[in-house]
């Protein structure tokens, strides 16, 4: 469900301070919207376990920070081992 049109996009207050100072500090707010002022910055975003560095591009404006850092691992199916049985003589 999207945010109401009459409300402004949400952005964390600490993130706004970082944008004005142009510093790269870790960000835990994945729900914050990317503003045009952040284009070109490198942000360190938390995914729940690790911190990932992402450079903000113009195409990212209007999206949430959490969309660009995955929180789940890709499932890779393991290959089954083939067991050969030696026959007795």
PDB file of N, CA and C in Angstrom:
ATOM      1  N   UNK A   1       0.842  -1.156   0.000  1.00  0.00           N
ATOM      2  CA  UNK A   1       0.000   0.000   0.000  1.00  0.00           C
ATOM      3  C   UNK A   1       0.902   1.237   0.000  1.00  0.00           C
ATOM      4  N   UNK A   2       0.631   2.178  -0.863  1.00  0.00           N
ATOM      5  CA  UNK A   2       1.485   3.350  -0.976  1.00  0.00           C
ATOM      6  C   UNK A   2       1.086   4.429   0.034  1.00  0.00           C
ATOM      7  N   UNK A   3       1.957   5.374   0.174  1.00  0.00           N
ATOM      8  CA  UNK A   3       1.730   6.484   1.100  1.00  0.00           C
ATOM      9  C   UNK A   3       0.730   7.457   0.486  1.00  0.00           C
ATOM     10  N   UNK A   4      -0.071   8.120   1.318  1.00  0.00           N
ATOM     11  CA  UNK A   4      -1.069   9.067   0.834  1.00  0.00           C
ATOM     12  C   UNK A   4      -0.416  10.190   0.037  1.00  0.00           C
ATOM     13  N   UNK A   5      -1.109  10.655  -0.999  1.00  0.00           N
ATOM     14  CA  UNK A   5      -0.544  11.687  -1.863  1.00  0.00           C
ATOM     15  C   UNK A   5      -0.412  13.033  -1.163  1.00  0.00           C
ATOM     16  N   UNK A   6      -1.261  13.317  -0.189  1.00  0.00           N
ATOM     17  CA  UNK A   6      -1.193  14.608   0.484  1.00  0.00           C
ATOM     18  C   UNK A   6      -0.038  14.686   1.469  1.00  0.00           C
ATOM     19  N   UNK A   7       0.535  13.528   1.842  1.00  0.00           N
ATOM     20  CA  UNK A   7       1.689  13.515   2.732  1.00  0.00           C
ATOM     21  C   UNK A   7       2.968  13.640   1.906  1.00  0.00           C
ATOM     22  N   UNK A   8       3.983  14.213   2.514  1.00  0.00           N
ATOM     23  CA  UNK A   8       5.275  14.283   1.827  1.00  0.00           C
ATOM     24  C   UNK A   8       5.988  12.945   1.970  1.00  0.00           C
ATOM     25  N   UNK A   9       6.939  12.614   1.093  1.00  0.00           N
ATOM     26  CA  UNK A   9       7.680  11.364   1.243  1.00  0.00           C
ATOM     27  C   UNK A   9       8.448  11.331   2.559  1.00  0.00           C
ATOM     28  N   UNK A  10       8.510  10.156   3.164  1.00  0.00           N
ATOM     29  CA  UNK A  10       9.174  10.017   4.464  1.00  0.00           C
ATOM     30  C   UNK A  10      10.682   9.967   4.280  1.00  0.00           C
ATOM     31  N   UNK A  11      11.390  10.687   5.114  1.00  0.00           N
ATOM     32  CA  UNK A  11      12.846  10.592   5.185  1.00  0.00           C
ATOM     33  C   UNK A  11      13.266  10.812   6.633  1.00  0.00           C
ATOM     34  N   UNK A  12      14.162   9.991   7.107  1.00  0.00           N
ATOM     35  CA  UNK A  12      14.644  10.053   8.488  1.00  0.00           C
ATOM     36  C   UNK A  12      15.384  11.373   8.730  1.00  0.00           C
ATOM     37  N   UNK A  13      15.190  11.973   9.899  1.00  0.00           N
ATOM     38  CA  UNK A  13      15.829  13.259  10.210  1.00  0.00           C
ATOM     39  C   UNK A  13      17.350  13.154  10.193  1.00  0.00           C
ATOM     40  N   UNK A  14      17.889  12.064  10.710  1.00  0.00           N
ATOM     41  CA  UNK A  14      19.344  11.899  10.714  1.00  0.00           C
ATOM     42  C   UNK A  14      19.892  11.774   9.294  1.00  0.00           C
ATOM     43  N   UNK A  15      19.115  11.202   8.397  1.00  0.00           N
ATOM     44  CA  UNK A  15      19.531  11.082   7.007  1.00  0.00           C
ATOM     45  C   UNK A  15      19.565  12.452   6.337  1.00  0.00           C
ATOM     46  N   UNK A  16      18.618  13.315   6.683  1.00  0.00           N
ATOM     47  CA  UNK A  16      18.625  14.680   6.142  1.00  0.00           C
ATOM     48  C   UNK A  16      19.874  15.437   6.567  1.00  0.00           C
ATOM     49  N   UNK A  17      20.310  15.225   7.815  1.00  0.00           N
ATOM     50  CA  UNK A  17      21.532  15.870   8.296  1.00  0.00           C
ATOM     51  C   UNK A  17      22.736  15.375   7.503  1.00  0.00           C
ATOM     52  N   UNK A  18      22.778  14.060   7.232  1.00  0.00           N
ATOM     53  CA  UNK A  18      23.892  13.484   6.466  1.00  0.00           C
ATOM     54  C   UNK A  18      23.925  14.047   5.053  1.00  0.00           C
ATOM     55  N   UNK A  19      22.759  14.283   4.467  1.00  0.00           N
ATOM     56  CA  UNK A  19      22.709  14.808   3.111  1.00  0.00           C
ATOM     57  C   UNK A  19      23.244  16.232   3.049  1.00  0.00           C
ATOM     58  N   UNK A  20      22.959  17.016   4.087  1.00  0.00           N
ATOM     59  CA  UNK A  20      23.423  18.393   4.084  1.00  0.00           C
ATOM     60  C   UNK A  20      24.926  18.481   4.350  1.00  0.00           C
ATOM     61  N   UNK A  21      25.460  17.549   5.130  1.00  0.00           N
ATOM     62  CA  UNK A  21      26.880  17.541   5.460  1.00  0.00           C
ATOM     63  C   UNK A  21      27.691  16.808   4.390  1.00  0.00           C
ATOM     64  N   UNK A  22      27.055  15.950   3.614  1.00  0.00           N
ATOM     65  CA  UNK A  22      27.701  15.140   2.560  1.00  0.00           C
ATOM     66  C   UNK A  22      28.683  14.130   3.156  1.00  0.00           C
ATOM     67  N   UNK A  23      28.336  13.567   4.323  1.00  0.00           N
ATOM     68  CA  UNK A  23      29.161  12.536   4.953  1.00  0.00           C
ATOM     69  C   UNK A  23      28.537  11.175   4.717  1.00  0.00           C
ATOM     70  N   UNK A  24      29.364  10.146   4.742  1.00  0.00           N
ATOM     71  CA  UNK A  24      28.844   8.788   4.629  1.00  0.00           C
ATOM     72  C   UNK A  24      28.835   8.171   6.029  1.00  0.00           C
ATOM     73  N   UNK A  25      27.650   8.024   6.569  1.00  0.00           N
ATOM     74  CA  UNK A  25      27.463   7.371   7.859  1.00  0.00           C
ATOM     75  C   UNK A  25      26.528   6.198   7.652  1.00  0.00           C
ATOM     76  N   UNK A  26      26.625   5.191   8.497  1.00  0.00           N
ATOM     77  CA  UNK A  26      25.707   4.057   8.374  1.00  0.00           C
ATOM     78  C   UNK A  26      24.253   4.482   8.570  1.00  0.00           C
ATOM     79  N   UNK A  27      23.360   3.887   7.768  1.00  0.00           N
ATOM     80  CA  UNK A  27      21.943   4.223   7.808  1.00  0.00           C
ATOM     81  C   UNK A  27      21.154   2.952   8.091  1.00  0.00           C
ATOM     82  N   UNK A  28      20.331   2.980   9.126  1.00  0.00           N
ATOM     83  CA  UNK A  28      19.497   1.842   9.462  1.00  0.00           C
ATOM     84  C   UNK A  28      18.070   2.023   8.961  1.00  0.00           C
ATOM     85  N   UNK A  29      17.714   3.202   8.504  1.00  0.00           N
ATOM     86  CA  UNK A  29      16.359   3.490   8.062  1.00  0.00           C
ATOM     87  C   UNK A  29      16.181   3.081   6.599  1.00  0.00           C
ATOM     88  N   UNK A  30      15.720   1.859   6.378  1.00  0.00           N
ATOM     89  CA  UNK A  30      15.486   1.360   5.026  1.00  0.00           C
ATOM     90  C   UNK A  30      14.193   1.920   4.443  1.00  0.00           C
ATOM     91  N   UNK A  31      13.333   2.487   5.277  1.00  0.00           N
ATOM     92  CA  UNK A  31      12.034   2.974   4.822  1.00  0.00           C
ATOM     93  C   UNK A  31      12.092   4.402   4.291  1.00  0.00           C
ATOM     94  N   UNK A  32      13.245   5.045   4.386  1.00  0.00           N
ATOM     95  CA  UNK A  32      13.380   6.429   3.930  1.00  0.00           C
ATOM     96  C   UNK A  32      13.385   6.496   2.401  1.00  0.00           C
ATOM     97  N   UNK A  33      12.748   7.546   1.874  1.00  0.00           N
ATOM     98  CA  UNK A  33      12.699   7.776   0.438  1.00  0.00           C
ATOM     99  C   UNK A  33      13.971   8.493  -0.003  1.00  0.00           C
ATOM    100  N   UNK A  34      14.448   8.171  -1.194  1.00  0.00           N
ATOM    101  CA  UNK A  34      15.650   8.806  -1.721  1.00  0.00           C
ATOM    102  C   UNK A  34      15.270  10.135  -2.359  1.00  0.00           C
ATOM    103  N   UNK A  35      15.905  11.211  -1.927  1.00  0.00           N
ATOM    104  CA  UNK A  35      15.660  12.562  -2.423  1.00  0.00           C
ATOM    105  C   UNK A  35      16.679  12.901  -3.512  1.00  0.00           C
ATOM    106  N   UNK A  36      16.370  13.861  -4.378  1.00  0.00           N
ATOM    107  CA  UNK A  36      17.323  14.277  -5.411  1.00  0.00           C
ATOM    108  C   UNK A  36      18.629  14.831  -4.844  1.00  0.00           C
ATOM    109  N   UNK A  37      18.604  15.346  -3.616  1.00  0.00           N
ATOM    110  CA  UNK A  37      19.822  15.878  -2.999  1.00  0.00           C
ATOM    111  C   UNK A  37      20.847  14.784  -2.705  1.00  0.00           C
ATOM    112  N   UNK A  38      20.408  13.533  -2.667  1.00  0.00           N
ATOM    113  CA  UNK A  38      21.298  12.421  -2.340  1.00  0.00           C
ATOM    114  C   UNK A  38      22.007  11.840  -3.556  1.00  0.00           C
ATOM    115  N   UNK A  39      21.678  12.302  -4.753  1.00  0.00           N
ATOM    116  CA  UNK A  39      22.278  11.745  -5.976  1.00  0.00           C
ATOM    117  C   UNK A  39      23.782  11.992  -5.961  1.00  0.00           C
ATOM    118  N   UNK A  40      24.537  10.928  -6.208  1.00  0.00           N
ATOM    119  CA  UNK A  40      25.993  11.017  -6.227  1.00  0.00           C
ATOM    120  C   UNK A  40      26.648  10.634  -4.912  1.00  0.00           C
ATOM    121  N   UNK A  41      25.888  10.520  -3.840  1.00  0.00           N
ATOM    122  CA  UNK A  41      26.450  10.148  -2.540  1.00  0.00           C
ATOM    123  C   UNK A  41      26.602   8.642  -2.429  1.00  0.00           C
ATOM    124  N   UNK A  42      27.539   8.217  -1.590  1.00  0.00           N
ATOM    125  CA  UNK A  42      27.674   6.810  -1.248  1.00  0.00           C
ATOM    126  C   UNK A  42      27.092   6.631   0.144  1.00  0.00           C
ATOM    127  N   UNK A  43      26.048   5.819   0.250  1.00  0.00           N
ATOM    128  CA  UNK A  43      25.396   5.573   1.532  1.00  0.00           C
ATOM    129  C   UNK A  43      25.681   4.156   1.990  1.00  0.00           C
ATOM    130  N   UNK A  44      25.850   3.989   3.285  1.00  0.00           N
ATOM    131  CA  UNK A  44      26.063   2.672   3.880  1.00  0.00           C
ATOM    132  C   UNK A  44      24.733   2.255   4.492  1.00  0.00           C
ATOM    133  N   UNK A  45      24.094   1.230   3.891  1.00  0.00           N
ATOM    134  CA  UNK A  45      22.741   0.829   4.276  1.00  0.00           C
ATOM    135  C   UNK A  45      22.782  -0.525   4.978  1.00  0.00           C
ATOM    136  N   UNK A  46      22.038  -0.649   6.063  1.00  0.00           N
ATOM    137  CA  UNK A  46      21.975  -1.883   6.844  1.00  0.00           C
ATOM    138  C   UNK A  46      20.879  -2.785   6.283  1.00  0.00           C
ATOM    139  N   UNK A  47      21.160  -4.082   6.128  1.00  0.00           N
ATOM    140  CA  UNK A  47      20.148  -4.995   5.606  1.00  0.00           C
ATOM    141  C   UNK A  47      19.597  -5.931   6.678  1.00  0.00           C
ATOM    142  N   UNK A  48      19.962  -5.721   7.922  1.00  0.00           N
ATOM    143  CA  UNK A  48      19.507  -6.574   9.005  1.00  0.00           C
ATOM    144  C   UNK A  48      20.640  -7.387   9.589  1.00  0.00           C
ATOM    145  N   UNK A  49      21.696  -7.586   8.797  1.00  0.00           N
ATOM    146  CA  UNK A  49      22.842  -8.342   9.262  1.00  0.00           C
ATOM    147  C   UNK A  49      24.148  -7.617   8.954  1.00  0.00           C
ATOM    148  N   UNK A  50      24.289  -7.149   7.737  1.00  0.00           N
ATOM    149  CA  UNK A  50      25.520  -6.515   7.281  1.00  0.00           C
ATOM    150  C   UNK A  50      25.242  -5.103   6.784  1.00  0.00           C
ATOM    151  N   UNK A  51      26.310  -4.371   6.538  1.00  0.00           N
ATOM    152  CA  UNK A  51      26.211  -3.031   5.974  1.00  0.00           C
ATOM    153  C   UNK A  51      26.710  -3.088   4.523  1.00  0.00           C
ATOM    154  N   UNK A  52      25.957  -2.465   3.613  1.00  0.00           N
ATOM    155  CA  UNK A  52      26.324  -2.443   2.205  1.00  0.00           C
ATOM    156  C   UNK A  52      26.444  -1.004   1.731  1.00  0.00           C
ATOM    157  N   UNK A  53      27.461  -0.733   0.939  1.00  0.00           N
ATOM    158  CA  UNK A  53      27.662   0.596   0.378  1.00  0.00           C
ATOM    159  C   UNK A  53      27.004   0.661  -0.989  1.00  0.00           C
ATOM    160  N   UNK A  54      26.175   1.670  -1.201  1.00  0.00           N
ATOM    161  CA  UNK A  54      25.500   1.874  -2.478  1.00  0.00           C
ATOM    162  C   UNK A  54      25.680   3.321  -2.905  1.00  0.00           C
ATOM    163  N   UNK A  55      26.007   3.529  -4.167  1.00  0.00           N
ATOM    164  CA  UNK A  55      26.089   4.873  -4.721  1.00  0.00           C
ATOM    165  C   UNK A  55      24.722   5.226  -5.288  1.00  0.00           C
ATOM    166  N   UNK A  56      24.199   6.382  -4.914  1.00  0.00           N
ATOM    167  CA  UNK A  56      22.864   6.794  -5.325  1.00  0.00           C
ATOM    168  C   UNK A  56      22.922   7.369  -6.734  1.00  0.00           C
ATOM    169  N   UNK A  57      22.082   6.827  -7.612  1.00  0.00           N
ATOM    170  CA  UNK A  57      22.004   7.250  -9.002  1.00  0.00           C
ATOM    171  C   UNK A  57      20.690   7.993  -9.224  1.00  0.00           C
ATOM    172  N   UNK A  58      20.589   8.777 -10.305  1.00  0.00           N
ATOM    173  CA  UNK A  58      19.349   9.530 -10.563  1.00  0.00           C
ATOM    174  C   UNK A  58      18.118   8.635 -10.740  1.00  0.00           C
ATOM    175  N   UNK A  59      18.299   7.404 -11.206  1.00  0.00           N
ATOM    176  CA  UNK A  59      17.165   6.491 -11.402  1.00  0.00           C
ATOM    177  C   UNK A  59      16.553   6.043 -10.080  1.00  0.00           C
ATOM    178  N   UNK A  60      17.295   6.166  -8.991  1.00  0.00           N
ATOM    179  CA  UNK A  60      16.849   5.698  -7.679  1.00  0.00           C
ATOM    180  C   UNK A  60      15.945   6.702  -6.959  1.00  0.00           C
ATOM    181  N   UNK A  61      15.878   7.941  -7.424  1.00  0.00           N
ATOM    182  CA  UNK A  61      15.107   8.989  -6.748  1.00  0.00           C
ATOM    183  C   UNK A  61      13.635   8.593  -6.709  1.00  0.00           C
ATOM    184  N   UNK A  62      13.034   8.702  -5.529  1.00  0.00           N
ATOM    185  CA  UNK A  62      11.630   8.353  -5.343  1.00  0.00           C
ATOM    186  C   UNK A  62      11.426   6.956  -4.797  1.00  0.00           C
ATOM    187  N   UNK A  63      12.452   6.124  -4.834  1.00  0.00           N
ATOM    188  CA  UNK A  63      12.365   4.769  -4.297  1.00  0.00           C
ATOM    189  C   UNK A  63      12.837   4.765  -2.848  1.00  0.00           C
ATOM    190  N   UNK A  64      12.641   3.640  -2.173  1.00  0.00           N
ATOM    191  CA  UNK A  64      13.078   3.487  -0.789  1.00  0.00           C
ATOM    192  C   UNK A  64      14.509   2.942  -0.759  1.00  0.00           C
ATOM    193  N   UNK A  65      15.235   3.235   0.310  1.00  0.00           N
ATOM    194  CA  UNK A  65      16.610   2.745   0.444  1.00  0.00           C
ATOM    195  C   UNK A  65      16.660   1.221   0.521  1.00  0.00           C
ATOM    196  N   UNK A  66      15.682   0.621   1.156  1.00  0.00           N
ATOM    197  CA  UNK A  66      15.664  -0.826   1.343  1.00  0.00           C
ATOM    198  C   UNK A  66      15.494  -1.618   0.066  1.00  0.00           C
ATOM    199  N   UNK A  67      15.051  -0.984  -1.011  1.00  0.00           N
ATOM    200  CA  UNK A  67      14.858  -1.694  -2.270  1.00  0.00           C
ATOM    201  C   UNK A  67      16.175  -2.087  -2.921  1.00  0.00           C
ATOM    202  N   UNK A  68      17.262  -1.439  -2.540  1.00  0.00           N
ATOM    203  CA  UNK A  68      18.537  -1.638  -3.208  1.00  0.00           C
ATOM    204  C   UNK A  68      19.512  -2.497  -2.419  1.00  0.00           C
ATOM    205  N   UNK A  69      19.056  -3.023  -1.275  1.00  0.00           N
ATOM    206  CA  UNK A  69      19.881  -3.921  -0.467  1.00  0.00           C
ATOM    207  C   UNK A  69      19.030  -5.130  -0.127  1.00  0.00           C
ATOM    208  N   UNK A  70      19.426  -6.306  -0.607  1.00  0.00           N
ATOM    209  CA  UNK A  70      18.631  -7.504  -0.372  1.00  0.00           C
ATOM    210  C   UNK A  70      18.812  -7.993   1.061  1.00  0.00           C
ATOM    211  N   UNK A  71      17.758  -8.584   1.604  1.00  0.00           N
ATOM    212  CA  UNK A  71      17.806  -9.087   2.972  1.00  0.00           C
ATOM    213  C   UNK A  71      17.839 -10.608   3.029  1.00  0.00           C
ATOM    214  N   UNK A  72      17.596 -11.249   1.919  1.00  0.00           N
ATOM    215  CA  UNK A  72      17.557 -12.712   1.890  1.00  0.00           C
ATOM    216  C   UNK A  72      18.590 -13.253   0.921  1.00  0.00           C
ATOM    217  N   UNK A  73      19.079 -14.440   1.218  1.00  0.00           N
ATOM    218  CA  UNK A  73      20.037 -15.102   0.340  1.00  0.00           C
ATOM    219  C   UNK A  73      19.286 -15.789  -0.794  1.00  0.00           C
ATOM    220  N   UNK A  74      19.941 -15.896  -1.931  1.00  0.00           N
ATOM    221  CA  UNK A  74      19.366 -16.658  -3.035  1.00  0.00           C
ATOM    222  C   UNK A  74      19.498 -18.144  -2.724  1.00  0.00           C
ATOM    223  N   UNK A  75      18.447 -18.890  -3.009  1.00  0.00           N
ATOM    224  CA  UNK A  75      18.464 -20.325  -2.757  1.00  0.00           C
ATOM    225  C   UNK A  75      19.173 -21.016  -3.906  1.00  0.00           C
ATOM    226  N   UNK A  76      20.202 -21.798  -3.590  1.00  0.00           N
ATOM    227  CA  UNK A  76      20.933 -22.570  -4.586  1.00  0.00           C
ATOM    228  C   UNK A  76      20.783 -24.033  -4.226  1.00  0.00           C
ATOM    229  N   UNK A  77      20.184 -24.769  -5.144  1.00  0.00           N
ATOM    230  CA  UNK A  77      19.950 -26.177  -4.889  1.00  0.00           C
ATOM    231  C   UNK A  77      21.256 -26.942  -5.045  1.00  0.00           C
ATOM    232  N   UNK A  78      21.556 -27.789  -4.058  1.00  0.00           N
ATOM    233  CA  UNK A  78      22.791 -28.557  -4.093  1.00  0.00           C
ATOM    234  C   UNK A  78      22.635 -29.749  -5.020  1.00  0.00           C
ATOM    235  N   UNK A  79      23.731 -30.100  -5.687  1.00  0.00           N
ATOM    236  CA  UNK A  79      23.712 -31.265  -6.571  1.00  0.00           C
ATOM    237  C   UNK A  79      23.782 -32.529  -5.720  1.00  0.00           C
ATOM    238  N   UNK A  80      23.048 -33.545  -6.162  1.00  0.00           N
ATOM    239  CA  UNK A  80      23.055 -34.813  -5.441  1.00  0.00           C
ATOM    240  C   UNK A  80      24.316 -35.588  -5.791  1.00  0.00           C
ATOM    241  N   UNK A  81      24.857 -36.260  -4.798  1.00  0.00           N
ATOM    242  CA  UNK A  81      26.046 -37.068  -5.013  1.00  0.00           C
ATOM    243  C   UNK A  81      25.636 -38.416  -5.600  1.00  0.00           C
ATOM    244  N   UNK A  82      26.396 -38.866  -6.572  1.00  0.00           N
ATOM    245  CA  UNK A  82      26.141 -40.166  -7.180  1.00  0.00           C
ATOM    246  C   UNK A  82      27.058 -41.172  -6.494  1.00  0.00           C
ATOM    247  N   UNK A  83      26.444 -42.182  -5.905  1.00  0.00           N
ATOM    248  CA  UNK A  83      27.200 -43.196  -5.183  1.00  0.00           C
ATOM    249  C   UNK A  83      27.286 -44.433  -6.055  1.00  0.00           C
ATOM    250  N   UNK A  84      28.488 -44.904  -6.298  1.00  0.00           N
ATOM    251  CA  UNK A  84      28.668 -46.143  -7.075  1.00  0.00           C
ATOM    252  C   UNK A  84      28.990 -47.269  -6.107  1.00  0.00           C
ATOM    253  N   UNK A  85      28.351 -48.413  -6.337  1.00  0.00           N
ATOM    254  CA  UNK A  85      28.538 -49.564  -5.476  1.00  0.00           C
ATOM    255  C   UNK A  85      29.434 -50.559  -6.219  1.00  0.00           C
ATOM    256  N   UNK A  86      30.517 -50.979  -5.533  1.00  0.00           N
ATOM    257  CA  UNK A  86      31.423 -51.949  -6.140  1.00  0.00           C
ATOM    258  C   UNK A  86      30.858 -53.352  -5.895  1.00  0.00           C
ATOM    259  N   UNK A  87      30.838 -54.138  -6.966  1.00  0.00           N
ATOM    260  CA  UNK A  87      30.296 -55.488  -6.845  1.00  0.00           C
ATOM    261  C   UNK A  87      31.394 -56.463  -6.434  1.00  0.00           C
ATOM    262  N   UNK A  88      31.021 -57.445  -5.618  1.00  0.00           N
ATOM    263  CA  UNK A  88      31.948 -58.464  -5.168  1.00  0.00           C
ATOM    264  C   UNK A  88      32.035 -59.567  -6.213  1.00  0.00           C
ATOM    265  N   UNK A  89      33.216 -60.179  -6.318  1.00  0.00           N
ATOM    266  CA  UNK A  89      33.399 -61.302  -7.243  1.00  0.00           C
ATOM    267  C   UNK A  89      33.222 -62.612  -6.577  1.00  0.00           C
TER     268      UNK A  89
END
